[in-house]
Amino acid sequence: MNLGNPKGLTELAFYDKSSFSLSRSERQHIHSLHQKKFRYHFNQFVLEGVKLVQEALLARYPIQKIYVGKTALSKDWLQEFKALVNPELLRVVSDSEISSISSLKNPEGVIALAPITTREFSTDLPRLSPFIYLWEINDPGNLGTILRTARWFGITNVLLSPNSVDPYSPKVVRGTMGALFAIAIWQNVTFKNLKIYAANQEILLISADTSGSPVSSQRTNQWGLILGNESRGLPDSILNNSKYIFSIPRYGSGESLNLSVSAGIIMNELCQNNRG
């Protein structure tokens, strides 16, 4: 990718009043990527918004195409964005065409296509710890926030069990605020394989559950935090095979905490030992 843009993104490319029209098949293709089965059929997903596309470019993620609406060309971020974009990737289209391919009610005017990154988990991988393992998490908002929070705490590997939400769905991608490009995501990781892997690498498996003791920091960063389904939590088969089970003390009232909020609190505590 030409991040340095040595050819230069010409003023004509951004300011020319003419624009390209999307073919019917191109619109249909982009629309299809809003559905999981087509994302994985074409091995491609959609990014929407200036910040998200900028984050992908800065991370050298292999963007394949960028569509920019005419109105978006006049925005304040133009100069910074222009310095990152390979002009061969860019297509200027009408605002109505941006709206026709967007999943948002009020799109920003920048939409990109990029390949899905697939990673094969195996029990003989090198150490990935500290990591987060999410068991059958269903809410895309929770996954997006957890990825964003993991990035904040320097956790660069997130593992997803089978039957978890797709990390490349539009809501997850937007919710990550660019963390998707800074974190390695491993999909379809069974707990059976995770248990073998953790034993081989001497990694502590730490589960979050209301039945546990108050969360505390660890003397090592060789741990994997396991978080369960939003409504069902973790099954006994996982809890019984965890080194520690931690919970968050309640000082007020309320039935439970949101999963992503709980994840952030526990990550903060577990990472305490590695600060300063």
Protein backbone atom coordinates (compact mmCIF):
# COMPACT_ATOMS: atom_id res chain seq x y z
CA MET A 1 0.00 0.00 0.00
CA ASN A 2 1.22 3.46 -0.87
CA LEU A 3 0.74 5.10 2.52
CA GLY A 4 3.35 7.75 1.86
CA ASN A 5 1.52 8.67 -1.33
CA PRO A 6 4.67 9.46 -3.37
CA LYS A 7 2.57 9.98 -6.49
CA GLY A 8 0.52 12.53 -4.62
CA LEU A 9 -3.23 12.56 -4.45
CA THR A 10 -3.89 15.26 -6.99
CA GLU A 11 -6.21 18.14 -6.37
CA LEU A 12 -8.15 16.92 -9.37
CA ALA A 13 -8.78 13.57 -7.69
CA PHE A 14 -10.39 15.29 -4.73
CA TYR A 15 -11.91 18.42 -6.17
CA ASP A 16 -13.01 17.53 -9.66
CA LYS A 17 -16.77 17.98 -9.77
CA SER A 18 -17.20 14.85 -11.86
CA SER A 19 -17.76 11.56 -10.08
CA PHE A 20 -17.96 7.90 -10.89
CA SER A 21 -21.20 6.03 -10.96
CA LEU A 22 -21.47 2.68 -9.24
CA SER A 23 -22.73 -0.16 -11.36
CA ARG A 24 -25.74 -2.12 -10.16
CA SER A 25 -23.56 -5.18 -9.51
CA GLU A 26 -21.11 -3.08 -7.48
CA ARG A 27 -23.90 -1.69 -5.30
CA GLN A 28 -25.31 -5.18 -4.82
CA HIS A 29 -21.89 -6.52 -3.87
CA ILE A 30 -21.30 -3.85 -1.22
CA HIS A 31 -24.83 -4.34 0.14
CA SER A 32 -24.23 -8.08 0.38
CA LEU A 33 -21.25 -7.50 2.68
CA HIS A 34 -23.62 -6.31 5.39
CA GLN A 35 -24.54 -10.00 5.78
CA LYS A 36 -22.17 -12.47 7.41
CA LYS A 37 -22.53 -15.25 4.84
CA PHE A 38 -21.49 -12.95 2.01
CA ARG A 39 -18.64 -11.37 3.99
CA TYR A 40 -17.04 -14.77 4.35
CA HIS A 41 -17.98 -15.86 0.85
CA PHE A 42 -16.10 -12.90 -0.60
CA ASN A 43 -13.64 -12.66 2.33
CA GLN A 44 -14.31 -8.94 2.51
CA PHE A 45 -15.91 -6.44 4.88
CA VAL A 46 -17.02 -2.80 4.95
CA LEU A 47 -15.54 0.12 6.91
CA GLU A 48 -17.60 3.28 7.31
CA GLY A 49 -16.40 6.65 8.53
CA VAL A 50 -13.34 8.86 8.26
CA LYS A 51 -11.74 7.87 11.57
CA LEU A 52 -12.09 4.17 10.93
CA VAL A 53 -10.62 4.33 7.44
CA GLN A 54 -7.77 6.52 8.69
CA GLU A 55 -7.00 4.03 11.45
CA ALA A 56 -6.89 1.21 8.91
CA LEU A 57 -4.54 3.16 6.65
CA LEU A 58 -2.24 4.11 9.53
CA ALA A 59 -2.10 0.46 10.60
CA ARG A 60 -1.20 -0.50 7.01
CA TYR A 61 -4.26 -2.66 6.74
CA PRO A 62 -4.67 -3.70 3.07
CA ILE A 63 -7.58 -1.47 2.05
CA GLN A 64 -8.89 -2.50 -1.37
CA LYS A 65 -11.18 0.40 -2.32
CA ILE A 66 -12.32 3.72 -0.83
CA TYR A 67 -15.49 5.51 -1.86
CA VAL A 68 -15.76 9.22 -0.99
CA GLY A 69 -18.90 11.29 -1.46
CA LYS A 70 -18.70 14.75 -3.02
CA THR A 71 -19.84 16.61 0.09
CA ALA A 72 -17.24 14.80 2.20
CA LEU A 73 -14.48 16.31 0.09
CA SER A 74 -14.98 19.71 1.74
CA LYS A 75 -14.50 18.50 5.32
CA ASP A 76 -11.68 19.63 7.61
CA TRP A 77 -10.03 16.21 7.69
CA LEU A 78 -9.29 16.35 3.97
CA GLN A 79 -5.57 17.20 4.17
CA GLU A 80 -4.75 14.50 6.71
CA PHE A 81 -6.78 11.91 4.85
CA LYS A 82 -5.25 12.92 1.53
CA ALA A 83 -1.74 12.22 2.84
CA LEU A 84 -2.65 8.60 3.59
CA VAL A 85 -4.62 7.57 0.54
CA ASN A 86 -3.22 5.82 -2.48
CA PRO A 87 -5.06 7.59 -5.33
CA GLU A 88 -5.50 4.29 -7.13
CA LEU A 89 -7.80 3.14 -4.33
CA LEU A 90 -10.04 6.18 -4.42
CA ARG A 91 -13.38 6.62 -6.14
CA VAL A 92 -15.37 9.83 -5.82
CA VAL A 93 -19.10 9.15 -6.00
CA SER A 94 -22.26 11.15 -5.46
CA ASP A 95 -23.71 11.61 -1.98
CA SER A 96 -26.78 9.64 -3.03
CA GLU A 97 -24.62 6.68 -4.00
CA ILE A 98 -22.83 6.81 -0.66
CA SER A 99 -26.23 6.67 1.01
CA SER A 100 -27.28 3.78 -1.18
CA ILE A 101 -24.36 1.58 -0.07
CA SER A 102 -24.14 2.69 3.56
CA SER A 103 -25.64 0.82 6.52
CA LEU A 104 -26.00 4.11 8.42
CA LYS A 105 -28.88 6.56 8.43
CA ASN A 106 -26.47 9.51 8.28
CA PRO A 107 -23.22 8.33 6.64
CA GLU A 108 -20.07 10.47 6.91
CA GLY A 109 -19.32 10.05 3.23
CA VAL A 110 -16.35 7.66 3.37
CA ILE A 111 -16.74 3.92 2.85
CA ALA A 112 -13.96 1.40 2.29
CA LEU A 113 -13.66 -2.29 1.47
CA ALA A 114 -11.00 -4.50 3.02
CA PRO A 115 -10.15 -8.22 3.25
CA ILE A 116 -11.05 -10.28 6.30
CA THR A 117 -8.00 -11.44 8.22
CA THR A 118 -8.29 -15.10 9.20
CA ARG A 119 -6.06 -16.77 11.78
CA GLU A 120 -5.96 -20.49 12.55
CA PHE A 121 -5.72 -21.26 16.25
CA SER A 122 -3.73 -24.34 17.26
CA THR A 123 -2.49 -25.74 20.54
CA ASP A 124 1.16 -25.32 19.53
CA LEU A 125 1.07 -21.57 18.88
CA PRO A 126 3.64 -19.41 20.70
CA ARG A 127 2.43 -17.50 23.76
CA LEU A 128 -0.35 -15.04 23.04
CA SER A 129 -0.87 -13.94 26.65
CA PRO A 130 -2.23 -11.85 28.08
CA PHE A 131 -5.35 -12.45 26.04
CA ILE A 132 -9.13 -12.25 26.26
CA TYR A 133 -11.28 -15.30 25.50
CA LEU A 134 -14.94 -14.58 24.79
CA TRP A 135 -17.33 -17.51 25.06
CA GLU A 136 -20.43 -17.23 22.87
CA ILE A 137 -20.64 -13.45 23.15
CA ASN A 138 -23.63 -12.25 21.10
CA ASP A 139 -23.83 -8.47 21.29
CA PRO A 140 -21.85 -6.62 18.60
CA GLY A 141 -21.71 -3.49 20.76
CA ASN A 142 -20.09 -5.44 23.58
CA LEU A 143 -17.50 -7.00 21.30
CA GLY A 144 -16.62 -3.65 19.73
CA THR A 145 -16.16 -2.04 23.14
CA ILE A 146 -14.14 -4.97 24.52
CA LEU A 147 -11.77 -4.80 21.55
CA ARG A 148 -11.40 -1.06 22.03
CA THR A 149 -10.75 -1.53 25.76
CA ALA A 150 -8.27 -4.36 25.17
CA ARG A 151 -6.30 -2.08 22.89
CA TRP A 152 -6.21 0.59 25.62
CA PHE A 153 -4.68 -1.89 28.06
CA GLY A 154 -2.16 -3.24 25.57
CA ILE A 155 -3.84 -6.62 25.11
CA THR A 156 -3.19 -7.61 21.52
CA ASN A 157 -4.96 -10.97 21.22
CA VAL A 158 -8.69 -11.64 21.53
CA LEU A 159 -10.04 -15.16 21.05
CA LEU A 160 -13.65 -15.95 20.18
CA SER A 161 -15.43 -19.24 20.77
CA PRO A 162 -17.68 -20.82 18.15
CA ASN A 163 -21.18 -19.26 18.08
CA SER A 164 -19.84 -15.81 18.89
CA VAL A 165 -20.77 -12.60 17.08
CA ASP A 166 -18.88 -11.88 13.88
CA PRO A 167 -16.03 -9.40 14.56
CA TYR A 168 -16.37 -8.06 11.01
CA SER A 169 -20.05 -7.13 11.25
CA PRO A 170 -20.68 -3.41 10.62
CA LYS A 171 -21.68 -2.68 14.24
CA VAL A 172 -18.61 -4.39 15.67
CA VAL A 173 -16.25 -2.74 13.19
CA ARG A 174 -17.63 0.73 14.00
CA GLY A 175 -17.58 0.03 17.74
CA THR A 176 -13.89 -0.88 17.75
CA MET A 177 -12.93 2.68 16.69
CA GLY A 178 -9.93 1.22 14.86
CA ALA A 179 -8.90 -1.35 17.51
CA LEU A 180 -9.78 -4.03 14.96
CA PHE A 181 -6.56 -3.17 13.15
CA ALA A 182 -4.37 -3.26 16.25
CA ILE A 183 -5.56 -6.57 17.73
CA ALA A 184 -5.16 -10.13 16.46
CA ILE A 185 -8.57 -11.82 16.47
CA TRP A 186 -8.78 -15.61 16.60
CA GLN A 187 -12.17 -17.07 15.73
CA ASN A 188 -13.80 -20.44 16.44
CA VAL A 189 -11.48 -21.31 19.32
CA THR A 190 -12.95 -24.18 21.34
CA PHE A 191 -12.40 -24.23 25.08
CA LYS A 192 -11.02 -27.75 24.76
CA ASN A 193 -8.19 -26.48 22.56
CA LEU A 194 -7.74 -23.37 24.68
CA LYS A 195 -7.30 -25.51 27.81
CA ILE A 196 -4.62 -27.63 26.12
CA TYR A 197 -2.87 -24.55 24.78
CA ALA A 198 -2.90 -22.78 28.16
CA ALA A 199 -1.45 -25.85 29.89
CA ASN A 200 1.31 -26.15 27.27
CA GLN A 201 2.23 -22.47 27.67
CA GLU A 202 1.73 -22.29 31.45
CA ILE A 203 -0.91 -19.59 31.10
CA LEU A 204 -3.35 -18.94 33.94
CA LEU A 205 -6.98 -19.15 32.87
CA ILE A 206 -9.07 -16.60 34.77
CA SER A 207 -12.85 -16.66 34.48
CA ALA A 208 -15.19 -13.80 35.31
CA ASP A 209 -18.32 -14.93 37.15
CA THR A 210 -20.54 -13.61 39.92
CA SER A 211 -19.68 -16.70 41.99
CA GLY A 212 -16.01 -15.73 42.17
CA SER A 213 -13.88 -13.88 44.69
CA PRO A 214 -13.10 -10.15 44.32
CA VAL A 215 -10.84 -9.50 41.33
CA SER A 216 -7.20 -8.81 42.14
CA SER A 217 -4.04 -8.04 40.19
CA GLN A 218 -1.65 -10.84 39.22
CA ARG A 219 2.11 -11.12 39.60
CA THR A 220 2.39 -12.30 36.01
CA ASN A 221 1.04 -11.22 32.65
CA GLN A 222 0.80 -14.82 31.50
CA TRP A 223 -2.97 -15.01 31.84
CA GLY A 224 -6.08 -15.35 29.74
CA LEU A 225 -9.29 -13.67 30.87
CA ILE A 226 -12.45 -15.62 30.02
CA LEU A 227 -15.76 -13.76 29.70
CA GLY A 228 -19.09 -15.46 29.05
CA ASN A 229 -22.33 -14.98 27.21
CA GLU A 230 -24.29 -11.86 28.15
CA SER A 231 -27.32 -13.75 29.50
CA ARG A 232 -25.99 -17.22 30.35
CA GLY A 233 -22.50 -16.45 31.61
CA LEU A 234 -19.94 -19.27 31.58
CA PRO A 235 -20.75 -23.00 31.78
CA ASP A 236 -19.43 -25.14 34.63
CA SER A 237 -17.10 -26.91 32.20
CA ILE A 238 -15.14 -23.65 31.87
CA LEU A 239 -15.44 -22.47 35.46
CA ASN A 240 -14.23 -25.83 36.80
CA ASN A 241 -11.15 -25.66 34.60
CA SER A 242 -10.12 -22.10 35.49
CA LYS A 243 -7.24 -21.30 37.83
CA TYR A 244 -9.15 -18.36 39.31
CA ILE A 245 -12.75 -17.18 39.22
CA PHE A 246 -13.08 -13.45 39.80
CA SER A 247 -16.07 -11.19 40.34
CA ILE A 248 -16.58 -7.46 40.79
CA PRO A 249 -17.80 -6.42 44.26
CA ARG A 250 -21.11 -4.58 44.32
CA TYR A 251 -21.23 -1.52 46.56
CA GLY A 252 -24.59 -0.21 45.45
CA SER A 253 -27.60 -1.86 43.88
CA GLY A 254 -28.49 -3.41 40.55
CA GLU A 255 -28.75 -6.92 39.17
CA SER A 256 -25.61 -7.00 37.05
CA LEU A 257 -23.03 -5.04 35.06
CA ASN A 258 -22.88 -4.80 31.29
CA LEU A 259 -20.38 -7.33 29.92
CA SER A 260 -18.08 -4.78 28.32
CA VAL A 261 -18.09 -2.65 31.50
CA SER A 262 -17.16 -5.73 33.55
CA ALA A 263 -14.42 -6.57 31.06
CA GLY A 264 -12.89 -3.11 31.41
CA ILE A 265 -12.90 -3.21 35.21
CA ILE A 266 -11.26 -6.63 35.32
CA MET A 267 -8.69 -5.77 32.64
CA ASN A 268 -7.72 -2.70 34.63
CA GLU A 269 -7.14 -4.79 37.77
CA LEU A 270 -5.27 -7.59 36.01
CA CYS A 271 -2.96 -5.14 34.27
CA GLN A 272 -2.08 -3.27 37.47
CA ASN A 273 1.04 -5.35 38.05
CA ASN A 274 2.53 -4.34 34.71
CA ARG A 275 2.31 -0.59 35.27
CA GLY A 276 4.86 1.92 36.37
